[in-house]
Amino acid sequence: MKLDQLTVDSDDEGLDVFYISFGDLMVILCVFLVMLLTMSKVDIGSFEKVKSVMTGSTENTLVELAGDLKKIIEGTPGIPGATVHLAKDGVRVDLDTAVLFSPGSAIIKKQALESFEPLLKKIKATEYLVDIEGHTDDVPFYRYHEGEIESNWSLSGKRASSVILHLRSLKFSSKRLRAIGYAYTRPLIKIKGKSGAALEEARARNRRVSLLIR
């Protein structure tokens, strides 16, 4: 009887050990899932700033790249129609479409290609991914051209694609590039309540091609 009791106790103890191990495994999995969810919402710009503070250096970070691009844009001779800032999703370089394209066109002006060359070469020297985003203003744009109906949507996409084709001619890897057309859905400046010169200025700022370096 005592032997049977000992056997049962031994089996129960084994089960307890299994349950404890399984419980630990569940805790680890839960912690891992929380980490994944947290990482999916990381503010890249803030992360890079924290990284530079912790390491005591901005070398090989988006913070350094943003600073270098700003020097190129604001230096001599400088690049008109270009701005750069460190955003939540990476480094954003905004290019004025009035400098890049003629109205309603997706063909890049030759002089624009030459002025933006130093900026693009600096970006090419990194290993970051680059999203090219086309943005228009909110003014309705429709026309029938070469058998196709064009709109702000198609124009923004074609302009982004034109920039990608130019980057490919500079030997950018296609694996680093992505073209996106947002039309008028992501304005830099809200136009609600604006009129006259203020409205036109806001629309001009919203017409842009953005390079998101991430």
N, C-alpha and C. Protein backbone atom coordinates (compact mmCIF):
# COMPACT_ATOMS: atom_id res chain seq x y z
N MET A 1 0.83 -1.21 0.00
CA MET A 1 0.00 0.00 0.00
C MET A 1 0.86 1.26 0.00
N LYS A 2 1.87 1.21 0.82
CA LYS A 2 2.77 2.36 0.88
C LYS A 2 3.53 2.53 -0.43
N LEU A 3 3.89 1.38 -1.03
CA LEU A 3 4.61 1.43 -2.30
C LEU A 3 3.75 2.06 -3.40
N ASP A 4 2.43 1.65 -3.40
CA ASP A 4 1.51 2.23 -4.38
C ASP A 4 1.38 3.74 -4.19
N GLN A 5 1.31 4.12 -2.92
CA GLN A 5 1.16 5.54 -2.61
C GLN A 5 2.38 6.33 -3.08
N LEU A 6 3.56 5.73 -2.86
CA LEU A 6 4.78 6.38 -3.29
C LEU A 6 4.83 6.54 -4.81
N THR A 7 4.33 5.51 -5.51
CA THR A 7 4.33 5.56 -6.97
C THR A 7 3.43 6.67 -7.47
N VAL A 8 2.25 6.79 -6.86
CA VAL A 8 1.32 7.84 -7.25
C VAL A 8 1.91 9.21 -6.98
N ASP A 9 2.54 9.34 -5.78
CA ASP A 9 3.15 10.62 -5.44
C ASP A 9 4.24 10.99 -6.43
N SER A 10 5.00 9.98 -6.85
CA SER A 10 6.08 10.23 -7.80
C SER A 10 5.53 10.71 -9.14
N ASP A 11 4.42 10.07 -9.59
CA ASP A 11 3.79 10.48 -10.85
C ASP A 11 3.24 11.89 -10.76
N ASP A 12 2.59 12.19 -9.62
CA ASP A 12 2.02 13.52 -9.43
C ASP A 12 3.11 14.58 -9.46
N GLU A 13 4.25 14.24 -8.84
CA GLU A 13 5.35 15.20 -8.81
C GLU A 13 5.85 15.49 -10.23
N GLY A 14 5.91 14.43 -11.04
CA GLY A 14 6.34 14.59 -12.42
C GLY A 14 5.39 15.49 -13.19
N LEU A 15 4.08 15.33 -12.92
CA LEU A 15 3.09 16.17 -13.58
C LEU A 15 3.25 17.63 -13.16
N ASP A 16 3.54 17.83 -11.86
CA ASP A 16 3.74 19.19 -11.36
C ASP A 16 4.91 19.86 -12.07
N VAL A 17 5.98 19.10 -12.25
CA VAL A 17 7.15 19.64 -12.94
C VAL A 17 6.79 20.03 -14.36
N PHE A 18 5.99 19.20 -15.04
CA PHE A 18 5.58 19.48 -16.42
C PHE A 18 4.73 20.74 -16.48
N TYR A 19 3.78 20.84 -15.53
CA TYR A 19 2.91 22.01 -15.52
C TYR A 19 3.71 23.29 -15.28
N ILE A 20 4.69 23.24 -14.41
CA ILE A 20 5.51 24.41 -14.13
C ILE A 20 6.29 24.81 -15.38
N SER A 21 6.88 23.85 -16.06
CA SER A 21 7.64 24.12 -17.27
C SER A 21 6.75 24.70 -18.36
N PHE A 22 5.55 24.14 -18.50
CA PHE A 22 4.60 24.64 -19.50
C PHE A 22 4.18 26.07 -19.17
N GLY A 23 3.98 26.33 -17.88
CA GLY A 23 3.61 27.68 -17.45
C GLY A 23 4.70 28.69 -17.76
N ASP A 24 5.96 28.28 -17.50
CA ASP A 24 7.09 29.16 -17.81
C ASP A 24 7.15 29.45 -19.31
N LEU A 25 6.89 28.42 -20.11
CA LEU A 25 6.92 28.58 -21.55
C LEU A 25 5.86 29.59 -22.01
N MET A 26 4.67 29.51 -21.42
CA MET A 26 3.60 30.43 -21.79
C MET A 26 3.97 31.87 -21.43
N VAL A 27 4.63 32.05 -20.28
CA VAL A 27 5.06 33.39 -19.87
C VAL A 27 6.06 33.95 -20.87
N ILE A 28 7.02 33.10 -21.27
CA ILE A 28 8.04 33.54 -22.23
C ILE A 28 7.40 33.93 -23.55
N LEU A 29 6.44 33.11 -24.01
CA LEU A 29 5.76 33.41 -25.27
C LEU A 29 4.99 34.72 -25.20
N CYS A 30 4.33 34.94 -24.06
CA CYS A 30 3.57 36.19 -23.89
C CYS A 30 4.50 37.40 -23.91
N VAL A 31 5.64 37.29 -23.23
CA VAL A 31 6.62 38.38 -23.22
C VAL A 31 7.12 38.64 -24.63
N PHE A 32 7.38 37.57 -25.37
CA PHE A 32 7.86 37.69 -26.75
C PHE A 32 6.84 38.40 -27.63
N LEU A 33 5.55 38.05 -27.46
CA LEU A 33 4.50 38.69 -28.25
C LEU A 33 4.38 40.17 -27.92
N VAL A 34 4.51 40.50 -26.64
CA VAL A 34 4.46 41.91 -26.23
C VAL A 34 5.60 42.69 -26.86
N MET A 35 6.79 42.07 -26.89
CA MET A 35 7.95 42.72 -27.51
C MET A 35 7.71 42.97 -29.00
N LEU A 36 7.11 41.98 -29.67
CA LEU A 36 6.83 42.14 -31.10
C LEU A 36 5.86 43.28 -31.34
N LEU A 37 4.81 43.35 -30.52
CA LEU A 37 3.82 44.41 -30.67
C LEU A 37 4.44 45.77 -30.41
N THR A 38 5.33 45.83 -29.42
CA THR A 38 5.99 47.09 -29.09
C THR A 38 6.91 47.53 -30.22
N MET A 39 7.68 46.59 -30.75
CA MET A 39 8.62 46.92 -31.82
C MET A 39 7.90 47.37 -33.09
N SER A 40 6.69 46.86 -33.30
CA SER A 40 5.95 47.21 -34.52
C SER A 40 5.50 48.67 -34.50
N LYS A 41 5.54 49.31 -33.33
CA LYS A 41 5.09 50.70 -33.22
C LYS A 41 6.25 51.64 -32.89
N VAL A 42 7.48 51.19 -33.17
CA VAL A 42 8.65 51.99 -32.83
C VAL A 42 8.68 53.27 -33.67
N ASP A 43 8.93 54.39 -33.01
CA ASP A 43 9.16 55.67 -33.68
C ASP A 43 10.62 55.67 -34.12
N ILE A 44 10.85 55.45 -35.42
CA ILE A 44 12.21 55.28 -35.92
C ILE A 44 13.07 56.50 -35.62
N GLY A 45 12.51 57.68 -35.82
CA GLY A 45 13.27 58.90 -35.57
C GLY A 45 13.72 58.99 -34.13
N SER A 46 12.80 58.75 -33.19
CA SER A 46 13.14 58.81 -31.77
C SER A 46 14.12 57.71 -31.40
N PHE A 47 13.93 56.51 -31.98
CA PHE A 47 14.83 55.39 -31.71
C PHE A 47 16.26 55.75 -32.12
N GLU A 48 16.41 56.37 -33.29
CA GLU A 48 17.75 56.74 -33.76
C GLU A 48 18.37 57.80 -32.85
N LYS A 49 17.55 58.74 -32.36
CA LYS A 49 18.08 59.76 -31.45
C LYS A 49 18.55 59.13 -30.15
N VAL A 50 17.75 58.21 -29.60
CA VAL A 50 18.14 57.52 -28.36
C VAL A 50 19.41 56.71 -28.59
N LYS A 51 19.48 56.05 -29.73
CA LYS A 51 20.66 55.25 -30.07
C LYS A 51 21.92 56.11 -30.09
N SER A 52 21.82 57.30 -30.69
CA SER A 52 22.98 58.18 -30.77
C SER A 52 23.40 58.69 -29.40
N VAL A 53 22.41 58.93 -28.52
CA VAL A 53 22.72 59.39 -27.16
C VAL A 53 23.40 58.28 -26.36
N MET A 54 22.88 57.05 -26.48
CA MET A 54 23.42 55.92 -25.72
C MET A 54 24.83 55.55 -26.17
N THR A 55 25.09 55.65 -27.47
CA THR A 55 26.41 55.29 -27.99
C THR A 55 27.38 56.46 -27.96
N GLY A 56 26.83 57.67 -27.77
CA GLY A 56 27.67 58.85 -27.77
C GLY A 56 28.14 59.25 -29.15
N SER A 57 27.49 58.71 -30.18
CA SER A 57 27.89 59.01 -31.55
C SER A 57 26.69 58.92 -32.48
N THR A 58 26.68 59.78 -33.49
CA THR A 58 25.62 59.73 -34.50
C THR A 58 26.09 59.03 -35.76
N GLU A 59 27.30 58.46 -35.71
CA GLU A 59 27.88 57.83 -36.90
C GLU A 59 27.02 56.66 -37.38
N ASN A 60 26.79 56.63 -38.69
CA ASN A 60 26.02 55.56 -39.34
C ASN A 60 24.59 55.47 -38.81
N THR A 61 23.98 56.59 -38.51
CA THR A 61 22.59 56.61 -38.07
C THR A 61 21.79 57.53 -38.98
N LEU A 62 20.47 57.44 -38.87
CA LEU A 62 19.60 58.34 -39.64
C LEU A 62 19.78 59.78 -39.18
N VAL A 63 20.16 59.96 -37.92
CA VAL A 63 20.42 61.31 -37.41
C VAL A 63 21.57 61.94 -38.19
N GLU A 64 22.64 61.18 -38.37
CA GLU A 64 23.79 61.67 -39.13
C GLU A 64 23.40 61.94 -40.58
N LEU A 65 22.65 61.02 -41.17
CA LEU A 65 22.25 61.19 -42.57
C LEU A 65 21.40 62.44 -42.76
N ALA A 66 20.46 62.67 -41.85
CA ALA A 66 19.61 63.87 -41.95
C ALA A 66 20.47 65.13 -41.89
N GLY A 67 21.47 65.13 -41.02
CA GLY A 67 22.36 66.29 -40.91
C GLY A 67 23.18 66.50 -42.18
N ASP A 68 23.68 65.41 -42.75
CA ASP A 68 24.48 65.50 -43.97
C ASP A 68 23.64 66.01 -45.15
N LEU A 69 22.41 65.50 -45.25
CA LEU A 69 21.54 65.93 -46.35
C LEU A 69 21.15 67.40 -46.20
N LYS A 70 20.96 67.83 -44.95
CA LYS A 70 20.62 69.23 -44.71
C LYS A 70 21.76 70.15 -45.13
N LYS A 71 23.01 69.71 -44.87
CA LYS A 71 24.17 70.51 -45.27
C LYS A 71 24.23 70.65 -46.79
N ILE A 72 23.91 69.56 -47.50
CA ILE A 72 23.93 69.60 -48.96
C ILE A 72 22.85 70.54 -49.49
N ILE A 73 21.66 70.45 -48.89
CA ILE A 73 20.53 71.28 -49.35
C ILE A 73 20.76 72.76 -49.07
N GLU A 74 21.31 73.06 -47.88
CA GLU A 74 21.46 74.46 -47.48
C GLU A 74 22.84 75.03 -47.80
N GLY A 75 23.73 74.19 -48.32
CA GLY A 75 25.09 74.65 -48.61
C GLY A 75 25.18 75.41 -49.92
N THR A 76 26.39 75.45 -50.47
CA THR A 76 26.63 76.15 -51.74
C THR A 76 26.94 75.12 -52.82
N PRO A 77 26.25 75.10 -53.95
CA PRO A 77 25.23 76.08 -54.37
C PRO A 77 23.86 75.84 -53.74
N GLY A 78 23.68 74.73 -53.03
CA GLY A 78 22.38 74.45 -52.42
C GLY A 78 21.42 73.81 -53.40
N ILE A 79 20.28 73.37 -52.89
CA ILE A 79 19.28 72.73 -53.74
C ILE A 79 17.93 73.41 -53.50
N PRO A 80 17.48 74.23 -54.44
CA PRO A 80 16.18 74.91 -54.27
C PRO A 80 15.03 73.92 -54.32
N GLY A 81 14.02 74.18 -53.51
CA GLY A 81 12.83 73.34 -53.53
C GLY A 81 12.96 72.04 -52.77
N ALA A 82 14.01 71.90 -51.94
CA ALA A 82 14.20 70.66 -51.18
C ALA A 82 14.29 70.97 -49.69
N THR A 83 13.67 70.13 -48.88
CA THR A 83 13.76 70.24 -47.42
C THR A 83 13.98 68.84 -46.85
N VAL A 84 14.55 68.76 -45.65
CA VAL A 84 14.79 67.46 -45.02
C VAL A 84 14.51 67.56 -43.53
N HIS A 85 13.94 66.50 -42.95
CA HIS A 85 13.76 66.45 -41.51
C HIS A 85 13.69 65.00 -41.05
N LEU A 86 14.03 64.77 -39.79
CA LEU A 86 13.96 63.44 -39.19
C LEU A 86 12.55 63.24 -38.66
N ALA A 87 11.81 62.31 -39.27
CA ALA A 87 10.41 62.07 -38.92
C ALA A 87 10.28 60.78 -38.11
N LYS A 88 9.04 60.45 -37.74
CA LYS A 88 8.80 59.23 -36.97
C LYS A 88 9.15 57.98 -37.76
N ASP A 89 8.95 58.05 -39.08
CA ASP A 89 9.15 56.85 -39.91
C ASP A 89 10.47 56.84 -40.65
N GLY A 90 11.35 57.80 -40.39
CA GLY A 90 12.66 57.83 -41.03
C GLY A 90 13.05 59.25 -41.39
N VAL A 91 13.99 59.39 -42.31
CA VAL A 91 14.38 60.71 -42.81
C VAL A 91 13.53 61.04 -44.02
N ARG A 92 12.89 62.20 -44.00
CA ARG A 92 12.05 62.62 -45.12
C ARG A 92 12.71 63.78 -45.87
N VAL A 93 12.84 63.58 -47.17
CA VAL A 93 13.32 64.64 -48.06
C VAL A 93 12.16 65.01 -48.97
N ASP A 94 11.67 66.23 -48.85
CA ASP A 94 10.55 66.70 -49.68
C ASP A 94 11.09 67.54 -50.83
N LEU A 95 10.68 67.19 -52.04
CA LEU A 95 11.11 67.89 -53.25
C LEU A 95 9.91 68.58 -53.88
N ASP A 96 10.04 69.87 -54.14
CA ASP A 96 8.97 70.66 -54.74
C ASP A 96 8.74 70.21 -56.18
N THR A 97 7.50 69.82 -56.50
CA THR A 97 7.23 69.34 -57.86
C THR A 97 7.34 70.46 -58.90
N ALA A 98 7.25 71.72 -58.47
CA ALA A 98 7.41 72.82 -59.41
C ALA A 98 8.84 72.87 -59.94
N VAL A 99 9.79 72.40 -59.12
CA VAL A 99 11.19 72.33 -59.54
C VAL A 99 11.43 71.09 -60.40
N LEU A 100 10.74 70.00 -60.04
CA LEU A 100 10.96 68.72 -60.72
C LEU A 100 10.22 68.59 -62.05
N PHE A 101 8.96 69.06 -62.09
CA PHE A 101 8.09 68.79 -63.23
C PHE A 101 7.40 70.06 -63.74
N SER A 102 6.99 70.01 -64.99
CA SER A 102 6.08 71.03 -65.51
C SER A 102 4.67 70.67 -65.06
N PRO A 103 3.73 71.63 -65.00
CA PRO A 103 2.37 71.34 -64.54
C PRO A 103 1.73 70.19 -65.33
N GLY A 104 1.18 69.22 -64.61
CA GLY A 104 0.49 68.09 -65.23
C GLY A 104 1.41 67.07 -65.87
N SER A 105 2.73 67.25 -65.73
CA SER A 105 3.69 66.35 -66.38
C SER A 105 4.37 65.44 -65.36
N ALA A 106 4.82 64.27 -65.83
CA ALA A 106 5.58 63.35 -64.98
C ALA A 106 6.99 63.17 -65.52
N ILE A 107 7.40 64.05 -66.43
CA ILE A 107 8.76 63.99 -66.99
C ILE A 107 9.64 64.96 -66.20
N ILE A 108 10.72 64.44 -65.61
CA ILE A 108 11.59 65.26 -64.77
C ILE A 108 12.39 66.24 -65.64
N LYS A 109 12.43 67.50 -65.20
CA LYS A 109 13.20 68.51 -65.91
C LYS A 109 14.70 68.22 -65.82
N LYS A 110 15.41 68.45 -66.90
CA LYS A 110 16.84 68.16 -66.96
C LYS A 110 17.62 68.93 -65.91
N GLN A 111 17.30 70.22 -65.73
CA GLN A 111 18.04 71.03 -64.76
C GLN A 111 17.80 70.56 -63.33
N ALA A 112 16.62 69.96 -63.10
CA ALA A 112 16.32 69.43 -61.77
C ALA A 112 17.19 68.22 -61.48
N LEU A 113 17.39 67.37 -62.48
CA LEU A 113 18.23 66.19 -62.31
C LEU A 113 19.65 66.59 -61.90
N GLU A 114 20.15 67.64 -62.50
CA GLU A 114 21.51 68.08 -62.21
C GLU A 114 21.62 68.66 -60.80
N SER A 115 20.63 69.44 -60.38
CA SER A 115 20.70 70.08 -59.07
C SER A 115 20.54 69.08 -57.92
N PHE A 116 19.76 68.02 -58.16
CA PHE A 116 19.52 67.04 -57.10
C PHE A 116 20.59 65.94 -57.03
N GLU A 117 21.52 65.94 -57.97
CA GLU A 117 22.51 64.87 -58.06
C GLU A 117 23.31 64.64 -56.77
N PRO A 118 23.87 65.70 -56.13
CA PRO A 118 24.65 65.48 -54.90
C PRO A 118 23.81 64.85 -53.78
N LEU A 119 22.56 65.26 -53.70
CA LEU A 119 21.66 64.73 -52.67
C LEU A 119 21.42 63.23 -52.89
N LEU A 120 21.15 62.86 -54.13
CA LEU A 120 20.84 61.46 -54.45
C LEU A 120 22.07 60.57 -54.30
N LYS A 121 23.24 61.09 -54.62
CA LYS A 121 24.46 60.31 -54.46
C LYS A 121 24.74 60.01 -52.99
N LYS A 122 24.44 60.97 -52.13
CA LYS A 122 24.62 60.75 -50.69
C LYS A 122 23.69 59.66 -50.18
N ILE A 123 22.44 59.68 -50.65
CA ILE A 123 21.47 58.65 -50.25
C ILE A 123 21.89 57.29 -50.79
N LYS A 124 22.39 57.26 -52.01
CA LYS A 124 22.81 56.01 -52.64
C LYS A 124 23.94 55.34 -51.85
N ALA A 125 24.81 56.14 -51.23
CA ALA A 125 25.96 55.61 -50.50
C ALA A 125 25.55 54.87 -49.21
N THR A 126 24.29 54.99 -48.81
CA THR A 126 23.81 54.29 -47.62
C THR A 126 23.18 52.96 -48.03
N GLU A 127 22.72 52.20 -47.04
CA GLU A 127 22.05 50.93 -47.33
C GLU A 127 20.57 50.98 -46.95
N TYR A 128 20.06 52.18 -46.67
CA TYR A 128 18.66 52.31 -46.25
C TYR A 128 17.70 52.08 -47.41
N LEU A 129 16.48 51.66 -47.07
CA LEU A 129 15.41 51.55 -48.06
C LEU A 129 14.88 52.95 -48.35
N VAL A 130 14.35 53.15 -49.56
CA VAL A 130 13.84 54.46 -49.95
C VAL A 130 12.45 54.32 -50.57
N ASP A 131 11.46 54.92 -49.92
CA ASP A 131 10.12 54.99 -50.50
C ASP A 131 9.99 56.33 -51.22
N ILE A 132 9.56 56.30 -52.47
CA ILE A 132 9.34 57.53 -53.22
C ILE A 132 7.84 57.76 -53.30
N GLU A 133 7.37 58.84 -52.68
CA GLU A 133 5.94 59.12 -52.58
C GLU A 133 5.58 60.33 -53.44
N GLY A 134 4.57 60.16 -54.29
CA GLY A 134 4.06 61.27 -55.08
C GLY A 134 2.85 61.89 -54.40
N HIS A 135 2.83 63.23 -54.31
CA HIS A 135 1.72 63.94 -53.67
C HIS A 135 1.26 65.09 -54.58
N THR A 136 -0.04 65.28 -54.66
CA THR A 136 -0.60 66.40 -55.42
C THR A 136 -1.38 67.32 -54.48
N ASP A 137 -1.92 68.40 -55.03
CA ASP A 137 -2.83 69.22 -54.23
C ASP A 137 -4.25 68.67 -54.40
N ASP A 138 -5.23 69.40 -53.86
CA ASP A 138 -6.61 68.92 -53.86
C ASP A 138 -7.42 69.38 -55.07
N VAL A 139 -6.80 70.16 -55.95
CA VAL A 139 -7.52 70.66 -57.12
C VAL A 139 -7.83 69.49 -58.07
N PRO A 140 -9.10 69.28 -58.42
CA PRO A 140 -9.44 68.15 -59.30
C PRO A 140 -8.67 68.21 -60.61
N PHE A 141 -8.15 67.07 -61.01
CA PHE A 141 -7.36 66.99 -62.24
C PHE A 141 -7.80 65.77 -63.03
N TYR A 142 -8.41 66.01 -64.17
CA TYR A 142 -8.84 64.91 -65.05
C TYR A 142 -8.52 65.29 -66.49
N ARG A 143 -7.99 64.34 -67.22
CA ARG A 143 -7.78 64.56 -68.65
C ARG A 143 -7.66 63.21 -69.35
N TYR A 144 -7.99 63.22 -70.62
CA TYR A 144 -7.88 62.01 -71.44
C TYR A 144 -6.60 62.14 -72.25
N HIS A 145 -5.65 61.23 -71.99
CA HIS A 145 -4.34 61.36 -72.62
C HIS A 145 -3.85 59.99 -73.10
N GLU A 146 -3.60 59.89 -74.39
CA GLU A 146 -3.08 58.66 -75.00
C GLU A 146 -3.91 57.44 -74.61
N GLY A 147 -5.21 57.60 -74.71
CA GLY A 147 -6.11 56.48 -74.46
C GLY A 147 -6.38 56.19 -73.00
N GLU A 148 -5.89 57.04 -72.08
CA GLU A 148 -6.09 56.82 -70.66
C GLU A 148 -6.68 58.06 -70.00
N ILE A 149 -7.53 57.81 -68.99
CA ILE A 149 -8.06 58.91 -68.19
C ILE A 149 -7.10 59.15 -67.03
N GLU A 150 -6.52 60.34 -66.97
CA GLU A 150 -5.56 60.65 -65.92
C GLU A 150 -6.21 61.50 -64.83
N SER A 151 -5.67 61.35 -63.62
CA SER A 151 -6.18 62.09 -62.46
C SER A 151 -5.03 62.38 -61.52
N ASN A 152 -5.34 62.98 -60.38
CA ASN A 152 -4.30 63.22 -59.37
C ASN A 152 -3.66 61.91 -58.92
N TRP A 153 -4.46 60.84 -58.89
CA TRP A 153 -3.93 59.54 -58.47
C TRP A 153 -2.87 59.03 -59.45
N SER A 154 -3.21 59.04 -60.72
CA SER A 154 -2.25 58.53 -61.71
C SER A 154 -1.04 59.45 -61.82
N LEU A 155 -1.27 60.77 -61.71
CA LEU A 155 -0.16 61.72 -61.81
C LEU A 155 0.84 61.53 -60.66
N SER A 156 0.33 61.37 -59.44
CA SER A 156 1.23 61.19 -58.30
C SER A 156 2.02 59.89 -58.42
N GLY A 157 1.36 58.83 -58.91
CA GLY A 157 2.05 57.56 -59.09
C GLY A 157 3.11 57.62 -60.18
N LYS A 158 2.78 58.29 -61.30
CA LYS A 158 3.73 58.40 -62.41
C LYS A 158 4.94 59.24 -62.02
N ARG A 159 4.72 60.29 -61.25
CA ARG A 159 5.85 61.12 -60.82
C ARG A 159 6.78 60.34 -59.89
N ALA A 160 6.20 59.56 -58.98
CA ALA A 160 7.02 58.73 -58.10
C ALA A 160 7.81 57.71 -58.92
N SER A 161 7.16 57.13 -59.93
CA SER A 161 7.83 56.15 -60.79
C SER A 161 8.95 56.78 -61.61
N SER A 162 8.74 58.02 -62.05
CA SER A 162 9.78 58.73 -62.82
C SER A 162 11.03 58.93 -61.98
N VAL A 163 10.83 59.27 -60.70
CA VAL A 163 11.97 59.45 -59.81
C VAL A 163 12.69 58.12 -59.60
N ILE A 164 11.93 57.04 -59.46
CA ILE A 164 12.55 55.72 -59.29
C ILE A 164 13.38 55.35 -60.52
N LEU A 165 12.85 55.61 -61.71
CA LEU A 165 13.60 55.31 -62.93
C LEU A 165 14.92 56.08 -62.97
N HIS A 166 14.88 57.32 -62.49
CA HIS A 166 16.12 58.10 -62.44
C HIS A 166 17.09 57.50 -61.42
N LEU A 167 16.57 57.08 -60.27
CA LEU A 167 17.44 56.47 -59.25
C LEU A 167 18.05 55.17 -59.78
N ARG A 168 17.28 54.42 -60.55
CA ARG A 168 17.82 53.19 -61.14
C ARG A 168 18.93 53.52 -62.14
N SER A 169 18.81 54.65 -62.84
CA SER A 169 19.86 55.04 -63.77
C SER A 169 21.14 55.42 -63.03
N LEU A 170 21.01 55.76 -61.74
CA LEU A 170 22.17 56.06 -60.90
C LEU A 170 22.68 54.81 -60.18
N LYS A 171 22.16 53.65 -60.58
CA LYS A 171 22.60 52.35 -60.04
C LYS A 171 22.09 52.08 -58.62
N PHE A 172 20.97 52.70 -58.24
CA PHE A 172 20.31 52.30 -57.00
C PHE A 172 19.79 50.88 -57.17
N SER A 173 19.92 50.05 -56.14
CA SER A 173 19.37 48.70 -56.21
C SER A 173 17.84 48.77 -56.20
N SER A 174 17.21 48.01 -57.09
CA SER A 174 15.75 48.01 -57.16
C SER A 174 15.13 47.47 -55.87
N LYS A 175 15.89 46.67 -55.12
CA LYS A 175 15.39 46.10 -53.87
C LYS A 175 15.21 47.16 -52.79
N ARG A 176 15.84 48.31 -52.98
CA ARG A 176 15.76 49.38 -51.98
C ARG A 176 14.62 50.34 -52.26
N LEU A 177 14.00 50.25 -53.43
CA LEU A 177 13.08 51.30 -53.88
C LEU A 177 11.63 50.84 -53.93
N ARG A 178 10.73 51.79 -53.64
CA ARG A 178 9.29 51.54 -53.74
C ARG A 178 8.59 52.83 -54.10
N ALA A 179 7.70 52.78 -55.10
CA ALA A 179 6.96 53.97 -55.54
C ALA A 179 5.53 53.91 -55.01
N ILE A 180 5.05 55.05 -54.49
CA ILE A 180 3.69 55.13 -53.95
C ILE A 180 3.06 56.45 -54.39
N GLY A 181 1.84 56.41 -54.90
CA GLY A 181 1.11 57.62 -55.26
C GLY A 181 -0.01 57.88 -54.27
N TYR A 182 0.06 59.00 -53.55
CA TYR A 182 -0.94 59.33 -52.53
C TYR A 182 -1.93 60.38 -53.00
N ALA A 183 -1.72 60.94 -54.20
CA ALA A 183 -2.59 62.01 -54.70
C ALA A 183 -2.68 63.13 -53.67
N TYR A 184 -3.90 63.52 -53.27
CA TYR A 184 -4.09 64.66 -52.35
C TYR A 184 -4.41 64.21 -50.93
N THR A 185 -4.22 62.93 -50.62
CA THR A 185 -4.71 62.38 -49.34
C THR A 185 -3.79 62.64 -48.15
N ARG A 186 -2.54 63.08 -48.39
CA ARG A 186 -1.61 63.32 -47.28
C ARG A 186 -0.96 64.70 -47.41
N PRO A 187 -1.75 65.75 -47.22
CA PRO A 187 -1.21 67.11 -47.37
C PRO A 187 -0.26 67.47 -46.23
N LEU A 188 0.75 68.27 -46.55
CA LEU A 188 1.62 68.82 -45.51
C LEU A 188 0.87 69.87 -44.70
N ILE A 189 0.05 70.64 -45.42
CA ILE A 189 -0.68 71.74 -44.79
C ILE A 189 -2.17 71.57 -45.08
N LYS A 190 -2.98 71.58 -44.04
CA LYS A 190 -4.43 71.49 -44.21
C LYS A 190 -4.95 72.78 -44.84
N ILE A 191 -5.85 72.64 -45.82
CA ILE A 191 -6.33 73.82 -46.53
C ILE A 191 -7.66 74.33 -45.99
N LYS A 192 -8.27 73.59 -45.09
CA LYS A 192 -9.57 74.00 -44.57
C LYS A 192 -9.49 75.38 -43.93
N GLY A 193 -10.38 76.27 -44.34
CA GLY A 193 -10.42 77.61 -43.78
C GLY A 193 -9.48 78.60 -44.44
N LYS A 194 -8.66 78.13 -45.39
CA LYS A 194 -7.72 79.02 -46.06
C LYS A 194 -8.32 79.54 -47.37
N SER A 195 -7.87 80.71 -47.77
CA SER A 195 -8.33 81.30 -49.03
C SER A 195 -7.26 82.23 -49.57
N GLY A 196 -7.41 82.63 -50.82
CA GLY A 196 -6.48 83.58 -51.41
C GLY A 196 -5.05 83.08 -51.45
N ALA A 197 -4.11 83.96 -51.10
CA ALA A 197 -2.68 83.64 -51.16
C ALA A 197 -2.31 82.50 -50.22
N ALA A 198 -2.94 82.46 -49.05
CA ALA A 198 -2.64 81.41 -48.07
C ALA A 198 -3.03 80.04 -48.62
N LEU A 199 -4.15 79.98 -49.32
CA LEU A 199 -4.61 78.73 -49.92
C LEU A 199 -3.65 78.27 -51.01
N GLU A 200 -3.23 79.20 -51.87
CA GLU A 200 -2.32 78.85 -52.96
C GLU A 200 -0.97 78.40 -52.43
N GLU A 201 -0.50 79.05 -51.36
CA GLU A 201 0.78 78.67 -50.76
C GLU A 201 0.70 77.26 -50.17
N ALA A 202 -0.42 76.96 -49.51
CA ALA A 202 -0.61 75.63 -48.93
C ALA A 202 -0.64 74.56 -50.02
N ARG A 203 -1.35 74.84 -51.09
CA ARG A 203 -1.42 73.88 -52.19
C ARG A 203 -0.05 73.67 -52.83
N ALA A 204 0.72 74.73 -52.95
CA ALA A 204 2.06 74.61 -53.53
C ALA A 204 2.95 73.74 -52.65
N ARG A 205 2.83 73.87 -51.33
CA ARG A 205 3.62 73.05 -50.41
C ARG A 205 3.19 71.58 -50.47
N ASN A 206 1.91 71.37 -50.72
CA ASN A 206 1.39 69.99 -50.75
C ASN A 206 1.79 69.25 -52.03
N ARG A 207 2.10 69.99 -53.08
CA ARG A 207 2.54 69.35 -54.34
C ARG A 207 4.03 69.03 -54.21
N ARG A 208 4.33 67.76 -54.01
CA ARG A 208 5.71 67.39 -53.72
C ARG A 208 5.96 65.92 -54.04
N VAL A 209 7.23 65.59 -54.11
CA VAL A 209 7.66 64.19 -54.11
C VAL A 209 8.50 64.00 -52.86
N SER A 210 8.13 63.02 -52.05
CA SER A 210 8.85 62.77 -50.80
C SER A 210 9.69 61.50 -50.91
N LEU A 211 10.93 61.61 -50.46
CA LEU A 211 11.79 60.44 -50.35
C LEU A 211 11.85 60.07 -48.87
N LEU A 212 11.28 58.93 -48.53
CA LEU A 212 11.31 58.44 -47.15
C LEU A 212 12.44 57.43 -47.04
N ILE A 213 13.47 57.79 -46.30
CA ILE A 213 14.65 56.93 -46.13
C ILE A 213 14.51 56.25 -44.78
N ARG A 214 14.48 54.91 -44.80
CA ARG A 214 14.19 54.17 -43.56
C ARG A 214 15.04 52.89 -43.46
